[in-house]
C-alpha atoms as a PDB file:
ATOM      1  CA  MET A   1    -146.048  61.244  58.186  1.00  0.00           C
ATOM      2  CA  SER A   2    -144.196  63.744  59.931  1.00  0.00           C
ATOM      3  CA  ARG A   3    -140.461  62.966  60.450  1.00  0.00           C
ATOM      4  CA  THR A   4    -139.472  61.946  63.987  1.00  0.00           C
ATOM      5  CA  TRP A   5    -136.788  64.558  65.214  1.00  0.00           C
ATOM      6  CA  PHE A   6    -135.966  63.340  68.508  1.00  0.00           C
ATOM      7  CA  ALA A   7    -136.416  60.409  70.539  1.00  0.00           C
ATOM      8  CA  LYS A   8    -135.578  58.224  73.524  1.00  0.00           C
ATOM      9  CA  GLY A   9    -131.702  58.307  73.860  1.00  0.00           C
ATOM     10  CA  LEU A  10    -131.002  61.454  73.121  1.00  0.00           C
ATOM     11  CA  ARG A  11    -129.062  63.389  75.483  1.00  0.00           C
ATOM     12  CA  GLY A  12    -127.636  67.083  75.849  1.00  0.00           C
ATOM     13  CA  MET A  13    -128.729  70.429  75.295  1.00  0.00           C
ATOM     14  CA  ILE A  14    -131.418  69.611  72.668  1.00  0.00           C
ATOM     15  CA  ALA A  15    -133.077  66.582  75.258  1.00  0.00           C
ATOM     16  CA  ARG A  16    -132.858  69.297  78.339  1.00  0.00           C
ATOM     17  CA  ARG A  17    -134.383  72.357  75.849  1.00  0.00           C
ATOM     18  CA  ILE A  18    -137.665  69.740  75.457  1.00  0.00           C
ATOM     19  CA  GLN A  19    -137.565  68.609  78.954  1.00  0.00           C
ATOM     20  CA  MET A  20    -137.881  72.371  80.061  1.00  0.00           C
ATOM     21  CA  ASP A  21    -140.411  73.479  77.161  1.00  0.00           C
ATOM     22  CA  LEU A  22    -142.670  70.269  78.556  1.00  0.00           C
ATOM     23  CA  LEU A  23    -142.053  71.742  82.386  1.00  0.00           C
ATOM     24  CA  ARG A  24    -142.754  74.964  81.457  1.00  0.00           C
ATOM     25  CA  GLN A  25    -146.314  73.800  80.294  1.00  0.00           C
ATOM     26  CA  GLY A  26    -146.649  71.205  83.372  1.00  0.00           C
ATOM     27  CA  PHE A  27    -145.771  68.058  81.772  1.00  0.00           C
ATOM     28  CA  PHE A  28    -142.973  66.711  83.263  1.00  0.00           C
ATOM     29  CA  VAL A  29    -142.474  63.258  85.784  1.00  0.00           C
ATOM     30  CA  GLY A  30    -141.546  63.061  89.449  1.00  0.00           C
ATOM     31  CA  PRO A  31    -139.734  66.132  91.062  1.00  0.00           C
ATOM     32  CA  ALA A  32    -140.025  69.283  89.128  1.00  0.00           C
ATOM     33  CA  GLY A  33    -136.772  70.363  89.695  1.00  0.00           C
ATOM     34  CA  LYS A  34    -134.879  66.683  88.632  1.00  0.00           C
ATOM     35  CA  PHE A  35    -136.818  66.443  85.704  1.00  0.00           C
ATOM     36  CA  ALA A  36    -134.557  68.448  82.788  1.00  0.00           C
ATOM     37  CA  ASP A  37    -131.685  66.136  83.437  1.00  0.00           C
ATOM     38  CA  GLY A  38    -130.874  66.357  79.697  1.00  0.00           C
ATOM     39  CA  ILE A  39    -131.371  62.452  79.477  1.00  0.00           C
ATOM     40  CA  PHE A  40    -134.273  61.826  76.883  1.00  0.00           C
ATOM     41  CA  GLY A  41    -135.484  58.477  78.802  1.00  0.00           C
ATOM     42  CA  ASN A  42    -138.633  57.286  79.669  1.00  0.00           C
ATOM     43  CA  ASP A  43    -139.592  60.173  81.907  1.00  0.00           C
ATOM     44  CA  THR A  44    -139.661  62.296  79.007  1.00  0.00           C
ATOM     45  CA  VAL A  45    -141.537  59.851  76.717  1.00  0.00           C
ATOM     46  CA  THR A  46    -144.292  59.654  79.249  1.00  0.00           C
ATOM     47  CA  ALA A  47    -144.442  63.433  79.825  1.00  0.00           C
ATOM     48  CA  LEU A  48    -144.530  63.901  75.955  1.00  0.00           C
ATOM     49  CA  SER A  49    -147.148  61.307  75.554  1.00  0.00           C
ATOM     50  CA  ARG A  50    -149.314  63.510  78.123  1.00  0.00           C
ATOM     51  CA  LEU A  51    -148.855  66.539  76.208  1.00  0.00           C
ATOM     52  CA  GLN A  52    -149.925  65.000  72.608  1.00  0.00           C
ATOM     53  CA  VAL A  53    -152.992  63.350  74.245  1.00  0.00           C
ATOM     54  CA  ALA A  54    -153.766  67.151  75.625  1.00  0.00           C
ATOM     55  CA  ARG A  55    -152.922  68.342  72.380  1.00  0.00           C
ATOM     56  CA  ALA A  56    -154.508  65.805  70.113  1.00  0.00           C
ATOM     57  CA  LEU A  57    -151.839  64.326  68.765  1.00  0.00           C
ATOM     58  CA  PRO A  58    -150.889  61.211  67.685  1.00  0.00           C
ATOM     59  CA  MET A  59    -149.193  59.900  70.951  1.00  0.00           C
ATOM     60  CA  VAL A  60    -145.807  58.758  69.857  1.00  0.00           C
ATOM     61  CA  GLY A  61    -143.780  59.729  72.807  1.00  0.00           C
ATOM     62  CA  ALA A  62    -141.043  61.521  70.722  1.00  0.00           C
ATOM     63  CA  VAL A  63    -140.788  64.533  68.807  1.00  0.00           C
ATOM     64  CA  ASP A  64    -142.099  65.262  65.565  1.00  0.00           C
ATOM     65  CA  THR A  65    -142.811  68.538  63.659  1.00  0.00           C
ATOM     66  CA  PRO A  66    -146.263  68.799  65.148  1.00  0.00           C
ATOM     67  CA  THR A  67    -145.214  68.081  68.657  1.00  0.00           C
ATOM     68  CA  TRP A  68    -142.051  70.181  68.720  1.00  0.00           C
ATOM     69  CA  GLN A  69    -144.670  73.250  67.514  1.00  0.00           C
ATOM     70  CA  GLN A  70    -146.573  72.359  70.684  1.00  0.00           C
ATOM     71  CA  LEU A  71    -143.398  72.766  72.885  1.00  0.00           C
ATOM     72  CA  THR A  72    -142.164  76.249  71.453  1.00  0.00           C
ATOM     73  CA  HIS A  73    -142.541  78.488  68.946  1.00  0.00           C
ATOM     74  CA  ASP A  74    -138.851  78.148  67.903  1.00  0.00           C
ATOM     75  CA  PRO A  75    -137.654  76.731  64.778  1.00  0.00           C
ATOM     76  CA  LEU A  76    -136.361  73.288  64.917  1.00  0.00           C
ATOM     77  CA  PRO A  77    -132.607  72.822  65.944  1.00  0.00           C
ATOM     78  CA  THR A  78    -130.619  73.597  63.170  1.00  0.00           C
ATOM     79  CA  LEU A  79    -128.481  70.788  61.253  1.00  0.00           C
ATOM     80  CA  PHE A  80    -125.300  72.583  62.837  1.00  0.00           C
ATOM     81  CA  GLU A  81    -127.152  72.517  66.313  1.00  0.00           C
ATOM     82  CA  ARG A  82    -127.905  68.685  65.955  1.00  0.00           C
ATOM     83  CA  CYS A  83    -124.601  67.956  64.955  1.00  0.00           C
ATOM     84  CA  LEU A  84    -122.906  69.841  67.912  1.00  0.00           C
ATOM     85  CA  SER A  85    -125.117  67.919  70.032  1.00  0.00           C
ATOM     86  CA  MET A  86    -123.985  64.801  68.774  1.00  0.00           C
ATOM     87  CA  THR A  87    -120.641  65.528  68.938  1.00  0.00           C
ATOM     88  CA  ALA A  88    -120.648  67.320  72.460  1.00  0.00           C
ATOM     89  CA  GLU A  89    -122.263  64.030  73.677  1.00  0.00           C
ATOM     90  CA  PHE A  90    -118.851  62.396  72.956  1.00  0.00           C
ATOM     91  CA  GLU A  91    -116.537  64.843  73.878  1.00  0.00           C
ATOM     92  CA  GLY A  92    -118.270  65.007  77.303  1.00  0.00           C
ATOM     93  CA  HIS A  93    -117.465  68.335  78.573  1.00  0.00           C
ATOM     94  CA  GLY A  94    -120.534  70.166  78.337  1.00  0.00           C
ATOM     95  CA  PHE A  95    -119.987  74.087  78.071  1.00  0.00           C
ATOM     96  CA  GLY A  96    -118.129  74.148  81.488  1.00  0.00           C
ATOM     97  CA  LEU A  97    -116.197  70.998  82.416  1.00  0.00           C
ATOM     98  CA  LEU A  98    -112.513  71.504  82.446  1.00  0.00           C
ATOM     99  CA  GLN A  99    -109.859  68.834  81.879  1.00  0.00           C
ATOM    100  CA  GLY A 100    -106.104  69.058  82.499  1.00  0.00           C
ATOM    101  CA  ASN A 101    -102.964  67.784  80.128  1.00  0.00           C
ATOM    102  CA  PHE A 102    -104.117  64.273  79.942  1.00  0.00           C
ATOM    103  CA  ASP A 103    -103.363  64.604  76.039  1.00  0.00           C
ATOM    104  CA  GLY A 104    -100.628  67.396  75.507  1.00  0.00           C
ATOM    105  CA  ALA A 105    -103.166  70.319  74.710  1.00  0.00           C
ATOM    106  CA  GLY A 106    -102.482  71.962  78.389  1.00  0.00           C
ATOM    107  CA  LEU A 107    -106.144  72.372  79.023  1.00  0.00           C
ATOM    108  CA  THR A 108    -109.520  71.164  77.626  1.00  0.00           C
ATOM    109  CA  TRP A 109    -112.734  72.687  78.489  1.00  0.00           C
ATOM    110  CA  GLY A 110    -116.246  73.768  76.275  1.00  0.00           C
ATOM    111  CA  VAL A 111    -118.769  72.440  74.489  1.00  0.00           C
ATOM    112  CA  ILE A 112    -116.577  70.707  71.946  1.00  0.00           C
ATOM    113  CA  GLY A 113    -113.232  70.719  74.221  1.00  0.00           C
ATOM    114  CA  PHE A 114    -111.118  73.501  73.181  1.00  0.00           C
ATOM    115  CA  THR A 115    -107.655  73.691  73.873  1.00  0.00           C
ATOM    116  CA  LEU A 116    -104.998  75.635  75.652  1.00  0.00           C
ATOM    117  CA  SER A 117    -102.342  74.717  73.345  1.00  0.00           C
ATOM    118  CA  ASN A 118    -104.278  76.154  70.219  1.00  0.00           C
ATOM    119  CA  GLY A 119    -105.211  79.337  71.873  1.00  0.00           C
ATOM    120  CA  GLU A 120    -108.581  79.050  71.899  1.00  0.00           C
ATOM    121  CA  ILE A 121    -109.923  78.795  75.335  1.00  0.00           C
ATOM    122  CA  GLN A 122    -107.664  82.194  75.535  1.00  0.00           C
ATOM    123  CA  LYS A 123    -109.470  83.893  72.509  1.00  0.00           C
ATOM    124  CA  LEU A 124    -112.965  82.405  73.674  1.00  0.00           C
ATOM    125  CA  LEU A 125    -112.161  84.086  77.361  1.00  0.00           C
ATOM    126  CA  ALA A 126    -110.854  87.479  75.840  1.00  0.00           C
ATOM    127  CA  GLU A 127    -114.077  87.448  73.314  1.00  0.00           C
ATOM    128  CA  ALA A 128    -116.340  86.856  76.552  1.00  0.00           C
ATOM    129  CA  GLU A 129    -114.268  89.596  78.108  1.00  0.00           C
ATOM    130  CA  ALA A 130    -114.810  92.246  75.540  1.00  0.00           C
ATOM    131  CA  ALA A 131    -118.084  91.642  74.802  1.00  0.00           C
ATOM    132  CA  VAL A 132    -119.294  91.782  78.721  1.00  0.00           C
ATOM    133  CA  PRO A 133    -116.590  93.610  80.465  1.00  0.00           C
ATOM    134  CA  GLY A 134    -115.892  92.384  84.192  1.00  0.00           C
ATOM    135  CA  THR A 135    -117.098  88.521  83.189  1.00  0.00           C
ATOM    136  CA  LEU A 136    -113.884  87.090  84.272  1.00  0.00           C
ATOM    137  CA  ASP A 137    -113.136  89.185  87.628  1.00  0.00           C
ATOM    138  CA  ARG A 138    -116.776  88.521  88.889  1.00  0.00           C
ATOM    139  CA  VAL A 139    -116.842  84.822  87.717  1.00  0.00           C
ATOM    140  CA  LEU A 140    -113.044  83.509  88.652  1.00  0.00           C
ATOM    141  CA  GLY A 141    -112.468  86.066  91.152  1.00  0.00           C
ATOM    142  CA  PRO A 142    -108.881  85.784  92.394  1.00  0.00           C
ATOM    143  CA  LEU A 143    -108.056  83.281  90.097  1.00  0.00           C
ATOM    144  CA  ALA A 144    -108.571  85.997  86.964  1.00  0.00           C
ATOM    145  CA  GLU A 145    -105.218  87.492  87.783  1.00  0.00           C
ATOM    146  CA  VAL A 146    -103.603  84.194  87.806  1.00  0.00           C
ATOM    147  CA  TRP A 147    -105.207  83.732  84.480  1.00  0.00           C
ATOM    148  CA  ARG A 148    -104.091  86.658  82.694  1.00  0.00           C
ATOM    149  CA  ALA A 149    -100.670  86.128  83.864  1.00  0.00           C
ATOM    150  CA  ARG A 150    -100.329  82.573  82.868  1.00  0.00           C
ATOM    151  CA  THR A 151    -101.672  83.338  79.540  1.00  0.00           C
ATOM    152  CA  ALA A 152     -99.782  86.294  78.880  1.00  0.00           C
ATOM    153  CA  LEU A 153     -96.794  83.900  78.759  1.00  0.00           C
ATOM    154  CA  PRO A 154     -95.634  82.205  75.166  1.00  0.00           C
ATOM    155  CA  ARG A 155     -97.652  79.321  74.566  1.00  0.00           C
ATOM    156  CA  ALA A 156     -95.501  76.564  75.271  1.00  0.00           C
ATOM    157  CA  GLN A 157     -94.801  77.845  78.487  1.00  0.00           C
ATOM    158  CA  GLN A 158     -98.646  78.112  79.092  1.00  0.00           C
ATOM    159  CA  VAL A 159     -98.737  74.227  78.631  1.00  0.00           C
ATOM    160  CA  VAL A 160     -95.988  73.838  81.373  1.00  0.00           C
ATOM    161  CA  TRP A 161     -97.990  75.864  83.575  1.00  0.00           C
ATOM    162  CA  ALA A 162    -101.111  73.785  82.607  1.00  0.00           C
ATOM    163  CA  ASP A 163     -99.141  70.607  83.008  1.00  0.00           C
ATOM    164  CA  SER A 164     -97.976  71.875  86.564  1.00  0.00           C
ATOM    165  CA  ILE A 165    -101.474  72.522  87.735  1.00  0.00           C
ATOM    166  CA  SER A 166    -102.933  69.115  85.991  1.00  0.00           C
ATOM    167  CA  THR A 167    -103.740  66.213  88.619  1.00  0.00           C
ATOM    168  CA  GLY A 168    -105.048  62.811  88.815  1.00  0.00           C
ATOM    169  CA  PRO A 169    -104.564  59.333  86.328  1.00  0.00           C
ATOM    170  CA  ASN A 170    -103.328  60.974  83.163  1.00  0.00           C
ATOM    171  CA  ASN A 171    -103.127  64.335  84.708  1.00  0.00           C
ATOM    172  CA  ALA A 172    -107.044  64.264  83.181  1.00  0.00           C
ATOM    173  CA  ASP A 173    -108.157  66.692  86.421  1.00  0.00           C
ATOM    174  CA  VAL A 174    -107.329  70.231  87.617  1.00  0.00           C
ATOM    175  CA  PRO A 175    -107.320  71.628  91.073  1.00  0.00           C
ATOM    176  CA  PRO A 176    -111.069  72.318  92.370  1.00  0.00           C
ATOM    177  CA  GLU A 177    -111.107  75.784  92.528  1.00  0.00           C
ATOM    178  CA  TRP A 178    -109.856  75.993  88.607  1.00  0.00           C
ATOM    179  CA  LYS A 179    -112.420  73.157  87.996  1.00  0.00           C
ATOM    180  CA  ALA A 180    -115.403  75.231  89.788  1.00  0.00           C
ATOM    181  CA  ALA A 181    -114.525  78.198  88.566  1.00  0.00           C
ATOM    182  CA  PHE A 182    -114.697  77.003  84.602  1.00  0.00           C
ATOM    183  CA  ALA A 183    -117.884  75.411  85.900  1.00  0.00           C
ATOM    184  CA  ARG A 184    -119.174  79.065  86.517  1.00  0.00           C
ATOM    185  CA  LEU A 185    -117.863  80.120  83.320  1.00  0.00           C
ATOM    186  CA  GLY A 186    -119.456  77.716  81.445  1.00  0.00           C
ATOM    187  CA  ASP A 187    -122.755  78.715  82.521  1.00  0.00           C
ATOM    188  CA  GLU A 188    -122.687  82.305  81.658  1.00  0.00           C
ATOM    189  CA  PRO A 189    -125.006  83.392  78.954  1.00  0.00           C
ATOM    190  CA  VAL A 190    -121.812  85.202  76.824  1.00  0.00           C
ATOM    191  CA  ILE A 191    -119.484  82.292  76.977  1.00  0.00           C
ATOM    192  CA  LYS A 192    -122.054  80.019  75.710  1.00  0.00           C
ATOM    193  CA  ARG A 193    -123.022  82.157  72.839  1.00  0.00           C
ATOM    194  CA  GLN A 194    -118.948  82.611  72.421  1.00  0.00           C
ATOM    195  CA  GLN A 195    -118.967  78.895  72.137  1.00  0.00           C
ATOM    196  CA  MET A 196    -121.439  78.089  70.176  1.00  0.00           C
ATOM    197  CA  GLN A 197    -120.443  80.901  67.561  1.00  0.00           C
ATOM    198  CA  ARG A 198    -116.512  79.212  67.663  1.00  0.00           C
ATOM    199  CA  ALA A 199    -117.927  75.667  67.028  1.00  0.00           C
ATOM    200  CA  TYR A 200    -119.830  77.177  64.169  1.00  0.00           C
ATOM    201  CA  ASP A 201    -117.120  79.279  62.384  1.00  0.00           C
ATOM    202  CA  ALA A 202    -114.113  77.177  62.719  1.00  0.00           C
ATOM    203  CA  TYR A 203    -115.380  73.546  62.614  1.00  0.00           C
ATOM    204  CA  PHE A 204    -119.086  73.407  61.044  1.00  0.00           C
ATOM    205  CA  VAL A 205    -118.523  76.030  58.112  1.00  0.00           C
ATOM    206  CA  PRO A 206    -114.871  73.877  57.297  1.00  0.00           C
ATOM    207  CA  ALA A 207    -116.624  70.778  58.061  1.00  0.00           C
ATOM    208  CA  ALA A 208    -119.577  71.586  55.708  1.00  0.00           C
ATOM    209  CA  ALA A 209    -116.533  72.262  52.950  1.00  0.00           C
ATOM    210  CA  THR A 210    -115.129  69.075  53.929  1.00  0.00           C
ATOM    211  CA  ALA A 211    -118.461  67.378  53.219  1.00  0.00           C
ATOM    212  CA  ARG A 212    -118.996  69.114  50.095  1.00  0.00           C
ATOM    213  CA  LYS A 213    -115.732  67.960  48.522  1.00  0.00           C
ATOM    214  CA  LEU A 214    -116.143  64.030  49.576  1.00  0.00           C
ATOM    215  CA  GLN A 215    -119.864  64.474  48.199  1.00  0.00           C
ATOM    216  CA  LEU A 216    -121.083  63.143  51.814  1.00  0.00           C
ATOM    217  CA  ASN A 217    -124.945  64.968  51.320  1.00  0.00           C
ATOM    218  CA  SER A 218    -126.628  63.586  53.806  1.00  0.00           C
ATOM    219  CA  GLU A 219    -127.099  64.931  57.667  1.00  0.00           C
ATOM    220  CA  LEU A 220    -125.145  61.769  58.454  1.00  0.00           C
ATOM    221  CA  GLY A 221    -121.988  62.916  56.474  1.00  0.00           C
ATOM    222  CA  VAL A 222    -122.300  66.675  57.344  1.00  0.00           C
ATOM    223  CA  ALA A 223    -122.298  64.891  61.047  1.00  0.00           C
ATOM    224  CA  LEU A 224    -119.072  63.076  60.427  1.00  0.00           C
ATOM    225  CA  ALA A 225    -117.196  65.551  58.623  1.00  0.00           C
ATOM    226  CA  PHE A 226    -118.015  67.932  61.808  1.00  0.00           C
ATOM    227  CA  ASP A 227    -117.060  65.204  64.080  1.00  0.00           C
ATOM    228  CA  CYS A 228    -113.645  64.702  62.351  1.00  0.00           C
ATOM    229  CA  HIS A 229    -112.819  68.591  62.197  1.00  0.00           C
ATOM    230  CA  VAL A 230    -113.528  68.575  66.190  1.00  0.00           C
ATOM    231  CA  GLN A 231    -111.623  65.606  67.197  1.00  0.00           C
ATOM    232  CA  ASN A 232    -108.695  65.270  64.427  1.00  0.00           C
ATOM    233  CA  GLY A 233    -106.454  67.354  62.701  1.00  0.00           C
ATOM    234  CA  LYS A 234    -103.417  65.806  60.674  1.00  0.00           C
ATOM    235  CA  SER A 235    -105.211  62.104  60.243  1.00  0.00           C
ATOM    236  CA  ARG A 236    -108.055  63.963  58.848  1.00  0.00           C
ATOM    237  CA  VAL A 237    -106.293  66.476  56.718  1.00  0.00           C
ATOM    238  CA  ARG A 238    -104.733  63.230  55.056  1.00  0.00           C
ATOM    239  CA  ALA A 239    -107.479  60.767  55.065  1.00  0.00           C
ATOM    240  CA  VAL A 240    -109.583  63.335  53.171  1.00  0.00           C
ATOM    241  CA  ALA A 241    -106.683  64.123  50.686  1.00  0.00           C
ATOM    242  CA  GLU A 242    -106.635  60.437  49.726  1.00  0.00           C
ATOM    243  CA  LEU A 243    -110.307  60.127  49.401  1.00  0.00           C
ATOM    244  CA  THR A 244    -111.458  63.156  47.381  1.00  0.00           C
ATOM    245  CA  ARG A 245    -110.592  61.399  43.997  1.00  0.00           C
ATOM    246  CA  LEU A 246    -113.590  58.727  45.230  1.00  0.00           C
ATOM    247  CA  ALA A 247    -115.746  61.265  45.805  1.00  0.00           C
ATOM    248  CA  GLY A 248    -119.000  60.706  43.754  1.00  0.00           C
ATOM    249  CA  GLN A 249    -117.523  57.170  42.580  1.00  0.00           C
ATOM    250  CA  LEU A 250    -119.033  54.800  45.487  1.00  0.00           C
ATOM    251  CA  PRO A 251    -122.464  55.226  47.591  1.00  0.00           C
ATOM    252  CA  GLU A 252    -122.410  57.636  50.118  1.00  0.00           C
ATOM    253  CA  ALA A 253    -122.496  55.076  53.365  1.00  0.00           C
ATOM    254  CA  GLU A 254    -119.542  53.253  51.954  1.00  0.00           C
ATOM    255  CA  MET A 255    -117.372  56.753  51.557  1.00  0.00           C
ATOM    256  CA  ARG A 256    -118.677  57.522  55.278  1.00  0.00           C
ATOM    257  CA  LEU A 257    -117.403  54.016  56.840  1.00  0.00           C
ATOM    258  CA  ARG A 258    -114.285  54.818  54.473  1.00  0.00           C
ATOM    259  CA  LEU A 259    -113.566  58.168  55.745  1.00  0.00           C
ATOM    260  CA  ALA A 260    -114.190  56.905  59.433  1.00  0.00           C
ATOM    261  CA  ASN A 261    -111.838  53.705  59.153  1.00  0.00           C
ATOM    262  CA  ARG A 262    -109.035  56.077  57.560  1.00  0.00           C
ATOM    263  CA  VAL A 263    -109.165  58.594  60.037  1.00  0.00           C
ATOM    264  CA  ALA A 264    -108.702  56.278  62.669  1.00  0.00           C
ATOM    265  CA  ASP A 265    -105.946  54.074  60.558  1.00  0.00           C
ATOM    266  CA  LEU A 266    -103.759  57.511  60.756  1.00  0.00           C
ATOM    267  CA  SER A 267    -104.636  58.295  64.363  1.00  0.00           C
ATOM    268  CA  SER A 268    -102.538  57.902  67.244  1.00  0.00           C
ATOM    269  CA  PRO A 269    -102.523  54.243  68.383  1.00  0.00           C
ATOM    270  CA  LYS A 270    -103.139  55.263  71.476  1.00  0.00           C
ATOM    271  CA  TRP A 271    -106.581  56.667  70.738  1.00  0.00           C
ATOM    272  CA  ARG A 272    -107.109  54.690  67.574  1.00  0.00           C
ATOM    273  CA  GLN A 273    -109.861  52.376  68.813  1.00  0.00           C
ATOM    274  CA  ASP A 274    -111.770  55.080  70.475  1.00  0.00           C
ATOM    275  CA  VAL A 275    -111.704  56.940  66.991  1.00  0.00           C
ATOM    276  CA  ARG A 276    -112.768  54.310  65.196  1.00  0.00           C
ATOM    277  CA  GLY A 277    -116.017  53.889  67.450  1.00  0.00           C
ATOM    278  CA  ARG A 278    -116.623  57.061  67.488  1.00  0.00           C
ATOM    279  CA  LYS A 279    -116.748  57.801  63.587  1.00  0.00           C
ATOM    280  CA  ILE A 280    -118.239  54.568  62.873  1.00  0.00           C
ATOM    281  CA  THR A 281    -120.907  54.928  65.264  1.00  0.00           C
ATOM    282  CA  ILE A 282    -122.084  58.448  63.199  1.00  0.00           C
ATOM    283  CA  ALA A 283    -120.930  57.073  59.916  1.00  0.00           C
ATOM    284  CA  SER A 284    -123.178  54.091  60.050  1.00  0.00           C
ATOM    285  CA  GLY A 285    -125.820  55.981  62.336  1.00  0.00           C
ATOM    286  CA  GLU A 286    -126.352  53.206  65.010  1.00  0.00           C
ATOM    287  CA  ALA A 287    -123.767  51.872  66.581  1.00  0.00           C
ATOM    288  CA  THR A 288    -122.653  50.874  70.605  1.00  0.00           C
ATOM    289  CA  PHE A 289    -119.831  53.098  71.823  1.00  0.00           C
ATOM    290  CA  ARG A 290    -118.248  53.194  74.835  1.00  0.00           C
ATOM    291  CA  GLY A 291    -120.894  51.154  76.517  1.00  0.00           C
ATOM    292  CA  ARG A 292    -124.121  53.284  75.438  1.00  0.00           C
ATOM    293  CA  HIS A 293    -125.938  52.258  72.020  1.00  0.00           C
ATOM    294  CA  TYR A 294    -126.612  55.022  69.957  1.00  0.00           C
ATOM    295  CA  VAL A 295    -129.426  55.678  66.925  1.00  0.00           C
ATOM    296  CA  LEU A 296    -128.783  58.941  65.381  1.00  0.00           C
ATOM    297  CA  ALA A 297    -131.738  59.592  64.271  1.00  0.00           C
ATOM    298  CA  ASN A 298    -132.951  59.883  67.429  1.00  0.00           C
ATOM    299  CA  TRP A 299    -130.768  62.761  67.551  1.00  0.00           C
ATOM    300  CA  GLY A 300    -132.208  64.555  64.454  1.00  0.00           C
ATOM    301  CA  LEU A 301    -129.445  62.882  62.141  1.00  0.00           C
ATOM    302  CA  ASP A 302    -130.295  60.642  59.741  1.00  0.00           C
ATOM    303  CA  ASP A 303    -129.705  59.791  55.778  1.00  0.00           C
ATOM    304  CA  PHE A 304    -131.945  62.391  54.609  1.00  0.00           C
ATOM    305  CA  PRO A 305    -130.498  65.132  52.837  1.00  0.00           C
ATOM    306  CA  ALA A 306    -128.345  68.088  54.560  1.00  0.00           C
ATOM    307  CA  ALA A 307    -130.204  71.444  54.642  1.00  0.00           C
END
């Protein structure tokens, strides 16, 4: 029996990709312009079922390997892409949402929450400009010069500037013109490519090494390590150092839960509950988090060996 890769409950970039492939072939429910919303719900189940009937496949309303092959000639999403989809769901930024200085990082933006305080946003935009000259002026307009001037300052002063434009509860918002400008940036193909590459090089590759160190050999194990690398710094480093001596001595499911709980224990009290819920959701493969029930097998992440 073919593995089910993606099913109801999936959200984000892979869900939208499935919907766009269905739409392209004429399988959709409701207005065509509203079908590809990135939410794998009942309409997507119905559209997939119609495709499966039309192609003489078992009508499962989910995406197994034969169904994927009917959707597209592209290969199935890699483990990196599946891990990124899950973590991006928790980060909640998409490619373009800009947030203010709610956590001391100055600005947070992009698919895994790149920050101003560690220089990642600046680097991403510089790389995009180098790859496609004129991108910043074309997309940001008059704000491009403001951006260049502010990001030429020492990093601490950049964060002070970011704090000065942050608004709303807990400084989580930014002025509409900045939010709109960075949303437009997030729609640029070069920006999406740069964000994906940065997420892979700076987070997924080290996360895979962490997973090997802790002998987390499953897809869920790698996904947990990746999420820790994205969200957690010092707490993750300390937790991994403490748990390395137990690598291979515990069942992997127990090691995943220990890592999830230890990272949470070592996190700031302000964020501890959220960190724990997020990490345990991945570690266990199924949980309710922030009011939404997640089954990670429907996101292409399970106890299967990572490959």
